[in-house]
PDB file of N, CA and C in Angstrom:
ATOM      1  N   UNK A   1      14.902  12.180  21.633  1.00  0.00           N
ATOM      2  CA  UNK A   1      13.504  12.371  21.920  1.00  0.00           C
ATOM      3  C   UNK A   1      12.691  11.814  20.752  1.00  0.00           C
ATOM      4  N   UNK A   2      11.667  11.069  21.053  1.00  0.00           N
ATOM      5  CA  UNK A   2      10.832  10.522  19.990  1.00  0.00           C
ATOM      6  C   UNK A   2       9.501  11.247  19.967  1.00  0.00           C
ATOM      7  N   UNK A   3       8.970  11.374  18.781  1.00  0.00           N
ATOM      8  CA  UNK A   3       7.654  11.995  18.611  1.00  0.00           C
ATOM      9  C   UNK A   3       6.610  10.898  18.569  1.00  0.00           C
ATOM     10  N   UNK A   4       5.504  11.119  19.218  1.00  0.00           N
ATOM     11  CA  UNK A   4       4.432  10.138  19.196  1.00  0.00           C
ATOM     12  C   UNK A   4       3.225  10.722  18.494  1.00  0.00           C
ATOM     13  N   UNK A   5       2.662   9.957  17.586  1.00  0.00           N
ATOM     14  CA  UNK A   5       1.485  10.369  16.844  1.00  0.00           C
ATOM     15  C   UNK A   5       0.416   9.299  17.021  1.00  0.00           C
ATOM     16  N   UNK A   6      -0.723   9.666  17.568  1.00  0.00           N
ATOM     17  CA  UNK A   6      -1.805   8.677  17.619  1.00  0.00           C
ATOM     18  C   UNK A   6      -2.145   8.203  16.215  1.00  0.00           C
ATOM     19  N   UNK A   7      -2.549   6.946  16.091  1.00  0.00           N
ATOM     20  CA  UNK A   7      -2.797   6.372  14.771  1.00  0.00           C
ATOM     21  C   UNK A   7      -3.852   7.142  13.995  1.00  0.00           C
ATOM     22  N   UNK A   8      -4.845   7.719  14.669  1.00  0.00           N
ATOM     23  CA  UNK A   8      -5.858   8.477  13.927  1.00  0.00           C
ATOM     24  C   UNK A   8      -5.275   9.749  13.333  1.00  0.00           C
ATOM     25  N   UNK A   9      -4.250  10.354  13.991  1.00  0.00           N
ATOM     26  CA  UNK A   9      -3.581  11.526  13.419  1.00  0.00           C
ATOM     27  C   UNK A   9      -2.817  11.154  12.156  1.00  0.00           C
ATOM     28  N   UNK A  10      -2.142  10.032  12.208  1.00  0.00           N
ATOM     29  CA  UNK A  10      -1.385   9.569  11.034  1.00  0.00           C
ATOM     30  C   UNK A  10      -2.340   9.241   9.892  1.00  0.00           C
ATOM     31  N   UNK A  11      -3.435   8.571  10.210  1.00  0.00           N
ATOM     32  CA  UNK A  11      -4.423   8.235   9.178  1.00  0.00           C
ATOM     33  C   UNK A  11      -4.961   9.492   8.516  1.00  0.00           C
ATOM     34  N   UNK A  12      -5.254  10.509   9.302  1.00  0.00           N
ATOM     35  CA  UNK A  12      -5.764  11.764   8.741  1.00  0.00           C
ATOM     36  C   UNK A  12      -4.752  12.410   7.809  1.00  0.00           C
ATOM     37  N   UNK A  13      -3.487  12.382   8.173  1.00  0.00           N
ATOM     38  CA  UNK A  13      -2.448  12.959   7.305  1.00  0.00           C
ATOM     39  C   UNK A  13      -2.416  12.236   5.963  1.00  0.00           C
ATOM     40  N   UNK A  14      -2.464  10.896   5.988  1.00  0.00           N
ATOM     41  CA  UNK A  14      -2.446  10.138   4.738  1.00  0.00           C
ATOM     42  C   UNK A  14      -3.749  10.279   3.957  1.00  0.00           C
ATOM     43  N   UNK A  15      -4.856  10.437   4.639  1.00  0.00           N
ATOM     44  CA  UNK A  15      -6.125  10.651   3.932  1.00  0.00           C
ATOM     45  C   UNK A  15      -6.086  11.954   3.137  1.00  0.00           C
ATOM     46  N   UNK A  16      -5.350  12.927   3.629  1.00  0.00           N
ATOM     47  CA  UNK A  16      -5.215  14.189   2.894  1.00  0.00           C
ATOM     48  C   UNK A  16      -4.180  14.080   1.776  1.00  0.00           C
ATOM     49  N   UNK A  17      -3.401  13.020   1.770  1.00  0.00           N
ATOM     50  CA  UNK A  17      -2.300  12.859   0.822  1.00  0.00           C
ATOM     51  C   UNK A  17      -2.632  11.813  -0.238  1.00  0.00           C
ATOM     52  N   UNK A  18      -3.875  11.763  -0.662  1.00  0.00           N
ATOM     53  CA  UNK A  18      -4.276  10.720  -1.610  1.00  0.00           C
ATOM     54  C   UNK A  18      -3.709  10.944  -3.012  1.00  0.00           C
ATOM     55  N   UNK A  19      -3.070  12.067  -3.261  1.00  0.00           N
ATOM     56  CA  UNK A  19      -2.378  12.266  -4.542  1.00  0.00           C
ATOM     57  C   UNK A  19      -1.004  11.614  -4.516  1.00  0.00           C
ATOM     58  N   UNK A  20      -0.854  10.652  -3.654  1.00  0.00           N
ATOM     59  CA  UNK A  20       0.387   9.929  -3.445  1.00  0.00           C
ATOM     60  C   UNK A  20       0.953   9.360  -4.742  1.00  0.00           C
ATOM     61  N   UNK A  21       0.093   8.877  -5.622  1.00  0.00           N
ATOM     62  CA  UNK A  21       0.550   8.270  -6.875  1.00  0.00           C
ATOM     63  C   UNK A  21       1.341   9.253  -7.726  1.00  0.00           C
ATOM     64  N   UNK A  22       0.988  10.516  -7.669  1.00  0.00           N
ATOM     65  CA  UNK A  22       1.725  11.528  -8.433  1.00  0.00           C
ATOM     66  C   UNK A  22       3.175  11.574  -7.958  1.00  0.00           C
ATOM     67  N   UNK A  23       3.377  11.599  -6.652  1.00  0.00           N
ATOM     68  CA  UNK A  23       4.722  11.647  -6.102  1.00  0.00           C
ATOM     69  C   UNK A  23       5.476  10.348  -6.356  1.00  0.00           C
ATOM     70  N   UNK A  24       4.772   9.239  -6.309  1.00  0.00           N
ATOM     71  CA  UNK A  24       5.377   7.948  -6.610  1.00  0.00           C
ATOM     72  C   UNK A  24       5.878   7.898  -8.052  1.00  0.00           C
ATOM     73  N   UNK A  25       5.153   8.517  -8.983  1.00  0.00           N
ATOM     74  CA  UNK A  25       5.578   8.488 -10.381  1.00  0.00           C
ATOM     75  C   UNK A  25       6.904   9.215 -10.562  1.00  0.00           C
ATOM     76  N   UNK A  26       7.115  10.268  -9.787  1.00  0.00           N
ATOM     77  CA  UNK A  26       8.397  10.979  -9.842  1.00  0.00           C
ATOM     78  C   UNK A  26       9.512  10.062  -9.361  1.00  0.00           C
ATOM     79  N   UNK A  27       9.265   9.343  -8.276  1.00  0.00           N
ATOM     80  CA  UNK A  27      10.269   8.416  -7.759  1.00  0.00           C
ATOM     81  C   UNK A  27      10.505   7.248  -8.709  1.00  0.00           C
ATOM     82  N   UNK A  28       9.497   6.917  -9.497  1.00  0.00           N
ATOM     83  CA  UNK A  28       9.637   5.850 -10.483  1.00  0.00           C
ATOM     84  C   UNK A  28      10.724   6.154 -11.495  1.00  0.00           C
ATOM     85  N   UNK A  29      10.845   7.407 -11.859  1.00  0.00           N
ATOM     86  CA  UNK A  29      11.892   7.800 -12.800  1.00  0.00           C
ATOM     87  C   UNK A  29      13.285   7.635 -12.192  1.00  0.00           C
ATOM     88  N   UNK A  30      13.335   7.605 -10.866  1.00  0.00           N
ATOM     89  CA  UNK A  30      14.625   7.474 -10.187  1.00  0.00           C
ATOM     90  C   UNK A  30      14.960   6.015  -9.860  1.00  0.00           C
ATOM     91  N   UNK A  31      14.164   5.078 -10.345  1.00  0.00           N
ATOM     92  CA  UNK A  31      14.468   3.666 -10.183  1.00  0.00           C
ATOM     93  C   UNK A  31      13.578   2.914  -9.216  1.00  0.00           C
ATOM     94  N   UNK A  32      12.666   3.603  -8.535  1.00  0.00           N
ATOM     95  CA  UNK A  32      11.804   2.908  -7.583  1.00  0.00           C
ATOM     96  C   UNK A  32      10.907   1.888  -8.273  1.00  0.00           C
ATOM     97  N   UNK A  33      10.412   2.214  -9.437  1.00  0.00           N
ATOM     98  CA  UNK A  33       9.523   1.292 -10.171  1.00  0.00           C
ATOM     99  C   UNK A  33      10.248  -0.013 -10.488  1.00  0.00           C
ATOM    100  N   UNK A  34      11.476   0.072 -10.928  1.00  0.00           N
ATOM    101  CA  UNK A  34      12.263  -1.117 -11.271  1.00  0.00           C
ATOM    102  C   UNK A  34      12.550  -1.950 -10.026  1.00  0.00           C
ATOM    103  N   UNK A  35      12.900  -1.282  -8.940  1.00  0.00           N
ATOM    104  CA  UNK A  35      13.154  -1.983  -7.684  1.00  0.00           C
ATOM    105  C   UNK A  35      11.891  -2.661  -7.187  1.00  0.00           C
ATOM    106  N   UNK A  36      10.787  -1.943  -7.224  1.00  0.00           N
ATOM    107  CA  UNK A  36       9.494  -2.477  -6.787  1.00  0.00           C
ATOM    108  C   UNK A  36       9.142  -3.730  -7.598  1.00  0.00           C
ATOM    109  N   UNK A  37       9.292  -3.648  -8.911  1.00  0.00           N
ATOM    110  CA  UNK A  37       8.953  -4.776  -9.780  1.00  0.00           C
ATOM    111  C   UNK A  37       9.840  -5.984  -9.486  1.00  0.00           C
ATOM    112  N   UNK A  38      11.128  -5.768  -9.309  1.00  0.00           N
ATOM    113  CA  UNK A  38      12.039  -6.900  -9.105  1.00  0.00           C
ATOM    114  C   UNK A  38      11.774  -7.601  -7.777  1.00  0.00           C
ATOM    115  N   UNK A  39      11.364  -6.877  -6.762  1.00  0.00           N
ATOM    116  CA  UNK A  39      11.104  -7.479  -5.455  1.00  0.00           C
ATOM    117  C   UNK A  39       9.731  -8.142  -5.417  1.00  0.00           C
ATOM    118  N   UNK A  40       8.695  -7.403  -5.796  1.00  0.00           N
ATOM    119  CA  UNK A  40       7.324  -7.895  -5.665  1.00  0.00           C
ATOM    120  C   UNK A  40       7.044  -9.062  -6.614  1.00  0.00           C
ATOM    121  N   UNK A  41       7.621  -9.065  -7.775  1.00  0.00           N
ATOM    122  CA  UNK A  41       7.353 -10.139  -8.740  1.00  0.00           C
ATOM    123  C   UNK A  41       7.877 -11.490  -8.267  1.00  0.00           C
ATOM    124  N   UNK A  42       8.718 -11.509  -7.238  1.00  0.00           N
ATOM    125  CA  UNK A  42       9.232 -12.764  -6.695  1.00  0.00           C
ATOM    126  C   UNK A  42       8.320 -13.358  -5.620  1.00  0.00           C
ATOM    127  N   UNK A  43       7.331 -12.594  -5.180  1.00  0.00           N
ATOM    128  CA  UNK A  43       6.426 -13.068  -4.131  1.00  0.00           C
ATOM    129  C   UNK A  43       5.559 -14.200  -4.654  1.00  0.00           C
ATOM    130  N   UNK A  44       5.211 -15.112  -3.764  1.00  0.00           N
ATOM    131  CA  UNK A  44       4.299 -16.192  -4.133  1.00  0.00           C
ATOM    132  C   UNK A  44       3.543 -16.633  -2.891  1.00  0.00           C
ATOM    133  N   UNK A  45       2.447 -17.342  -3.102  1.00  0.00           N
ATOM    134  CA  UNK A  45       1.660 -17.832  -1.980  1.00  0.00           C
ATOM    135  C   UNK A  45       0.915 -16.720  -1.276  1.00  0.00           C
ATOM    136  N   UNK A  46       0.880 -16.807   0.056  1.00  0.00           N
ATOM    137  CA  UNK A  46       0.184 -15.803   0.851  1.00  0.00           C
ATOM    138  C   UNK A  46       1.111 -14.626   1.107  1.00  0.00           C
ATOM    139  N   UNK A  47       0.604 -13.428   0.846  1.00  0.00           N
ATOM    140  CA  UNK A  47       1.402 -12.218   0.998  1.00  0.00           C
ATOM    141  C   UNK A  47       0.645 -11.243   1.892  1.00  0.00           C
ATOM    142  N   UNK A  48       1.333 -10.708   2.888  1.00  0.00           N
ATOM    143  CA  UNK A  48       0.778  -9.652   3.716  1.00  0.00           C
ATOM    144  C   UNK A  48       1.502  -8.373   3.346  1.00  0.00           C
ATOM    145  N   UNK A  49       0.783  -7.437   2.783  1.00  0.00           N
ATOM    146  CA  UNK A  49       1.396  -6.154   2.429  1.00  0.00           C
ATOM    147  C   UNK A  49       0.955  -5.127   3.460  1.00  0.00           C
ATOM    148  N   UNK A  50       1.914  -4.697   4.270  1.00  0.00           N
ATOM    149  CA  UNK A  50       1.669  -3.722   5.325  1.00  0.00           C
ATOM    150  C   UNK A  50       1.951  -2.336   4.772  1.00  0.00           C
ATOM    151  N   UNK A  51       1.049  -1.394   5.062  1.00  0.00           N
ATOM    152  CA  UNK A  51       1.137  -0.028   4.539  1.00  0.00           C
ATOM    153  C   UNK A  51       1.027  -0.061   3.011  1.00  0.00           C
ATOM    154  N   UNK A  52      -0.035  -0.670   2.523  1.00  0.00           N
ATOM    155  CA  UNK A  52      -0.246  -0.867   1.083  1.00  0.00           C
ATOM    156  C   UNK A  52      -0.380   0.447   0.325  1.00  0.00           C
ATOM    157  N   UNK A  53      -0.763   1.499   1.003  1.00  0.00           N
ATOM    158  CA  UNK A  53      -0.947   2.777   0.315  1.00  0.00           C
ATOM    159  C   UNK A  53      -2.014   2.665  -0.756  1.00  0.00           C
ATOM    160  N   UNK A  54      -1.706   3.101  -1.942  1.00  0.00           N
ATOM    161  CA  UNK A  54      -2.666   3.082  -3.049  1.00  0.00           C
ATOM    162  C   UNK A  54      -2.564   1.822  -3.903  1.00  0.00           C
ATOM    163  N   UNK A  55      -1.789   0.853  -3.455  1.00  0.00           N
ATOM    164  CA  UNK A  55      -1.686  -0.410  -4.182  1.00  0.00           C
ATOM    165  C   UNK A  55      -0.731  -0.378  -5.355  1.00  0.00           C
ATOM    166  N   UNK A  56       0.282   0.450  -5.275  1.00  0.00           N
ATOM    167  CA  UNK A  56       1.254   0.550  -6.376  1.00  0.00           C
ATOM    168  C   UNK A  56       1.898  -0.790  -6.716  1.00  0.00           C
ATOM    169  N   UNK A  57       2.029  -1.666  -5.735  1.00  0.00           N
ATOM    170  CA  UNK A  57       2.667  -2.965  -5.989  1.00  0.00           C
ATOM    171  C   UNK A  57       1.772  -3.941  -6.723  1.00  0.00           C
ATOM    172  N   UNK A  58       0.481  -3.719  -6.750  1.00  0.00           N
ATOM    173  CA  UNK A  58      -0.454  -4.685  -7.316  1.00  0.00           C
ATOM    174  C   UNK A  58      -0.121  -5.068  -8.752  1.00  0.00           C
ATOM    175  N   UNK A  59       0.439  -4.164  -9.504  1.00  0.00           N
ATOM    176  CA  UNK A  59       0.775  -4.438 -10.910  1.00  0.00           C
ATOM    177  C   UNK A  59       1.786  -5.575 -11.052  1.00  0.00           C
ATOM    178  N   UNK A  60       2.577  -5.797 -10.013  1.00  0.00           N
ATOM    179  CA  UNK A  60       3.718  -6.690 -10.126  1.00  0.00           C
ATOM    180  C   UNK A  60       3.533  -8.054  -9.487  1.00  0.00           C
ATOM    181  N   UNK A  61       2.438  -8.261  -8.761  1.00  0.00           N
ATOM    182  CA  UNK A  61       2.215  -9.566  -8.134  1.00  0.00           C
ATOM    183  C   UNK A  61       1.879 -10.619  -9.177  1.00  0.00           C
ATOM    184  N   UNK A  62       2.353 -11.825  -8.932  1.00  0.00           N
ATOM    185  CA  UNK A  62       1.986 -12.944  -9.784  1.00  0.00           C
ATOM    186  C   UNK A  62       0.543 -13.330  -9.497  1.00  0.00           C
ATOM    187  N   UNK A  63      -0.092 -13.964 -10.452  1.00  0.00           N
ATOM    188  CA  UNK A  63      -1.516 -14.289 -10.321  1.00  0.00           C
ATOM    189  C   UNK A  63      -1.793 -15.330  -9.241  1.00  0.00           C
ATOM    190  N   UNK A  64      -0.777 -16.086  -8.817  1.00  0.00           N
ATOM    191  CA  UNK A  64      -1.000 -17.109  -7.785  1.00  0.00           C
ATOM    192  C   UNK A  64      -0.873 -16.567  -6.362  1.00  0.00           C
ATOM    193  N   UNK A  65      -0.663 -15.276  -6.207  1.00  0.00           N
ATOM    194  CA  UNK A  65      -0.529 -14.684  -4.876  1.00  0.00           C
ATOM    195  C   UNK A  65      -1.894 -14.457  -4.238  1.00  0.00           C
ATOM    196  N   UNK A  66      -1.948 -14.738  -2.964  1.00  0.00           N
ATOM    197  CA  UNK A  66      -3.120 -14.475  -2.141  1.00  0.00           C
ATOM    198  C   UNK A  66      -2.751 -13.268  -1.271  1.00  0.00           C
ATOM    199  N   UNK A  67      -3.266 -12.100  -1.617  1.00  0.00           N
ATOM    200  CA  UNK A  67      -2.791 -10.858  -1.012  1.00  0.00           C
ATOM    201  C   UNK A  67      -3.749 -10.363   0.061  1.00  0.00           C
ATOM    202  N   UNK A  68      -3.175 -10.055   1.216  1.00  0.00           N
ATOM    203  CA  UNK A  68      -3.884  -9.360   2.282  1.00  0.00           C
ATOM    204  C   UNK A  68      -3.147  -8.038   2.452  1.00  0.00           C
ATOM    205  N   UNK A  69      -3.876  -6.946   2.328  1.00  0.00           N
ATOM    206  CA  UNK A  69      -3.263  -5.620   2.357  1.00  0.00           C
ATOM    207  C   UNK A  69      -3.870  -4.785   3.478  1.00  0.00           C
ATOM    208  N   UNK A  70      -3.013  -4.125   4.261  1.00  0.00           N
ATOM    209  CA  UNK A  70      -3.490  -3.282   5.356  1.00  0.00           C
ATOM    210  C   UNK A  70      -2.870  -1.898   5.262  1.00  0.00           C
ATOM    211  N   UNK A  71      -3.596  -0.925   5.772  1.00  0.00           N
ATOM    212  CA  UNK A  71      -3.110   0.450   5.832  1.00  0.00           C
ATOM    213  C   UNK A  71      -3.907   1.185   6.905  1.00  0.00           C
ATOM    214  N   UNK A  72      -3.412   2.343   7.318  1.00  0.00           N
ATOM    215  CA  UNK A  72      -4.130   3.159   8.295  1.00  0.00           C
ATOM    216  C   UNK A  72      -5.050   4.163   7.632  1.00  0.00           C
ATOM    217  N   UNK A  73      -4.883   4.377   6.349  1.00  0.00           N
ATOM    218  CA  UNK A  73      -5.616   5.423   5.641  1.00  0.00           C
ATOM    219  C   UNK A  73      -6.767   4.858   4.815  1.00  0.00           C
ATOM    220  N   UNK A  74      -7.978   5.259   5.153  1.00  0.00           N
ATOM    221  CA  UNK A  74      -9.134   4.818   4.370  1.00  0.00           C
ATOM    222  C   UNK A  74      -9.091   5.409   2.966  1.00  0.00           C
ATOM    223  N   UNK A  75      -8.536   6.610   2.823  1.00  0.00           N
ATOM    224  CA  UNK A  75      -8.401   7.229   1.503  1.00  0.00           C
ATOM    225  C   UNK A  75      -7.461   6.446   0.600  1.00  0.00           C
ATOM    226  N   UNK A  76      -6.346   6.006   1.156  1.00  0.00           N
ATOM    227  CA  UNK A  76      -5.394   5.198   0.385  1.00  0.00           C
ATOM    228  C   UNK A  76      -6.016   3.849   0.027  1.00  0.00           C
ATOM    229  N   UNK A  77      -6.716   3.237   0.988  1.00  0.00           N
ATOM    230  CA  UNK A  77      -7.324   1.930   0.727  1.00  0.00           C
ATOM    231  C   UNK A  77      -8.409   2.009  -0.338  1.00  0.00           C
ATOM    232  N   UNK A  78      -9.112   3.124  -0.395  1.00  0.00           N
ATOM    233  CA  UNK A  78     -10.137   3.303  -1.437  1.00  0.00           C
ATOM    234  C   UNK A  78      -9.490   3.223  -2.815  1.00  0.00           C
ATOM    235  N   UNK A  79      -8.390   3.906  -2.981  1.00  0.00           N
ATOM    236  CA  UNK A  79      -7.677   3.888  -4.266  1.00  0.00           C
ATOM    237  C   UNK A  79      -7.100   2.491  -4.529  1.00  0.00           C
ATOM    238  N   UNK A  80      -6.573   1.848  -3.491  1.00  0.00           N
ATOM    239  CA  UNK A  80      -6.027   0.495  -3.644  1.00  0.00           C
ATOM    240  C   UNK A  80      -7.112  -0.488  -4.071  1.00  0.00           C
ATOM    241  N   UNK A  81      -8.312  -0.348  -3.496  1.00  0.00           N
ATOM    242  CA  UNK A  81      -9.426  -1.236  -3.889  1.00  0.00           C
ATOM    243  C   UNK A  81      -9.763  -1.048  -5.366  1.00  0.00           C
ATOM    244  N   UNK A  82      -9.812   0.202  -5.797  1.00  0.00           N
ATOM    245  CA  UNK A  82     -10.105   0.489  -7.207  1.00  0.00           C
ATOM    246  C   UNK A  82      -9.020  -0.093  -8.109  1.00  0.00           C
ATOM    247  N   UNK A  83      -7.778   0.040  -7.680  1.00  0.00           N
ATOM    248  CA  UNK A  83      -6.668  -0.489  -8.479  1.00  0.00           C
ATOM    249  C   UNK A  83      -6.749  -2.011  -8.557  1.00  0.00           C
ATOM    250  N   UNK A  84      -7.014  -2.665  -7.440  1.00  0.00           N
ATOM    251  CA  UNK A  84      -7.125  -4.126  -7.428  1.00  0.00           C
ATOM    252  C   UNK A  84      -8.255  -4.589  -8.343  1.00  0.00           C
ATOM    253  N   UNK A  85      -9.376  -3.886  -8.295  1.00  0.00           N
ATOM    254  CA  UNK A  85     -10.521  -4.247  -9.145  1.00  0.00           C
ATOM    255  C   UNK A  85     -10.169  -4.078 -10.619  1.00  0.00           C
ATOM    256  N   UNK A  86      -9.471  -2.996 -10.957  1.00  0.00           N
ATOM    257  CA  UNK A  86      -9.118  -2.761 -12.360  1.00  0.00           C
ATOM    258  C   UNK A  86      -8.130  -3.793 -12.879  1.00  0.00           C
ATOM    259  N   UNK A  87      -7.347  -4.377 -11.977  1.00  0.00           N
ATOM    260  CA  UNK A  87      -6.375  -5.411 -12.360  1.00  0.00           C
ATOM    261  C   UNK A  87      -6.941  -6.817 -12.191  1.00  0.00           C
ATOM    262  N   UNK A  88      -8.186  -6.912 -11.773  1.00  0.00           N
ATOM    263  CA  UNK A  88      -8.845  -8.200 -11.554  1.00  0.00           C
ATOM    264  C   UNK A  88      -8.141  -9.047 -10.504  1.00  0.00           C
ATOM    265  N   UNK A  89      -7.632  -8.395  -9.464  1.00  0.00           N
ATOM    266  CA  UNK A  89      -6.949  -9.096  -8.384  1.00  0.00           C
ATOM    267  C   UNK A  89      -7.903  -9.313  -7.225  1.00  0.00           C
ATOM    268  N   UNK A  90      -7.765 -10.447  -6.588  1.00  0.00           N
ATOM    269  CA  UNK A  90      -8.539 -10.720  -5.395  1.00  0.00           C
ATOM    270  C   UNK A  90      -7.668 -10.363  -4.196  1.00  0.00           C
ATOM    271  N   UNK A  91      -7.893  -9.189  -3.655  1.00  0.00           N
ATOM    272  CA  UNK A  91      -7.099  -8.695  -2.531  1.00  0.00           C
ATOM    273  C   UNK A  91      -8.036  -8.443  -1.356  1.00  0.00           C
ATOM    274  N   UNK A  92      -7.701  -9.006  -0.218  1.00  0.00           N
ATOM    275  CA  UNK A  92      -8.448  -8.693   1.005  1.00  0.00           C
ATOM    276  C   UNK A  92      -7.756  -7.511   1.657  1.00  0.00           C
ATOM    277  N   UNK A  93      -8.540  -6.485   1.989  1.00  0.00           N
ATOM    278  CA  UNK A  93      -7.967  -5.276   2.559  1.00  0.00           C
ATOM    279  C   UNK A  93      -8.596  -4.957   3.899  1.00  0.00           C
ATOM    280  N   UNK A  94      -7.785  -4.344   4.751  1.00  0.00           N
ATOM    281  CA  UNK A  94      -8.280  -3.948   6.067  1.00  0.00           C
ATOM    282  C   UNK A  94      -7.596  -2.665   6.501  1.00  0.00           C
ATOM    283  N   UNK A  95      -8.361  -1.845   7.185  1.00  0.00           N
ATOM    284  CA  UNK A  95      -7.790  -0.650   7.784  1.00  0.00           C
ATOM    285  C   UNK A  95      -7.337  -1.016   9.188  1.00  0.00           C
ATOM    286  N   UNK A  96      -6.186  -0.521   9.586  1.00  0.00           N
ATOM    287  CA  UNK A  96      -5.607  -0.863  10.879  1.00  0.00           C
ATOM    288  C   UNK A  96      -5.452   0.414  11.694  1.00  0.00           C
ATOM    289  N   UNK A  97      -6.114   0.442  12.831  1.00  0.00           N
ATOM    290  CA  UNK A  97      -5.994   1.577  13.748  1.00  0.00           C
ATOM    291  C   UNK A  97      -5.398   1.114  15.063  1.00  0.00           C
ATOM    292  N   UNK A  98      -4.199   0.678  15.032  1.00  0.00           N
ATOM    293  CA  UNK A  98      -3.574   0.217  16.257  1.00  0.00           C
ATOM    294  C   UNK A  98      -2.193   0.833  16.386  1.00  0.00           C
ATOM    295  N   UNK A  99      -1.877   1.423  17.530  1.00  0.00           N
ATOM    296  CA  UNK A  99      -0.560   2.067  17.687  1.00  0.00           C
ATOM    297  C   UNK A  99       0.601   1.116  17.482  1.00  0.00           C
ATOM    298  N   UNK A 100       0.426  -0.179  17.780  1.00  0.00           N
ATOM    299  CA  UNK A 100       1.486  -1.154  17.596  1.00  0.00           C
ATOM    300  C   UNK A 100       1.925  -1.234  16.142  1.00  0.00           C
ATOM    301  N   UNK A 101       1.010  -0.921  15.240  1.00  0.00           N
ATOM    302  CA  UNK A 101       1.280  -0.939  13.798  1.00  0.00           C
ATOM    303  C   UNK A 101       2.476  -0.055  13.458  1.00  0.00           C
ATOM    304  N   UNK A 102       2.774   0.950  14.265  1.00  0.00           N
ATOM    305  CA  UNK A 102       3.809   1.920  13.940  1.00  0.00           C
ATOM    306  C   UNK A 102       5.096   1.697  14.718  1.00  0.00           C
ATOM    307  N   UNK A 103       5.205   0.627  15.455  1.00  0.00           N
ATOM    308  CA  UNK A 103       6.415   0.384  16.249  1.00  0.00           C
ATOM    309  C   UNK A 103       7.526  -0.158  15.380  1.00  0.00           C
TER     310      UNK A 103
END
């Protein structure tokens, strides 16, 4: 049996979870930060980052990347925009409210 969640329900859950970076920092100690850096630093050209969250990957992109970032959570995207601005990255961001996004 599969559970179905309308995209607005999922967005609301993530909007309430904007302290996501705190939990990510715990996972960083377990090796996620190293894995993230090794994968993202190899990206080049045009990059589509789906489910960008708070933009944790932004630190690791090369300067020649053209990043388009999407997420369902306006709260997460707000933090991602702030992070991109603080890193002087040109990132185009969009909120996605489409059920197909979760297939």
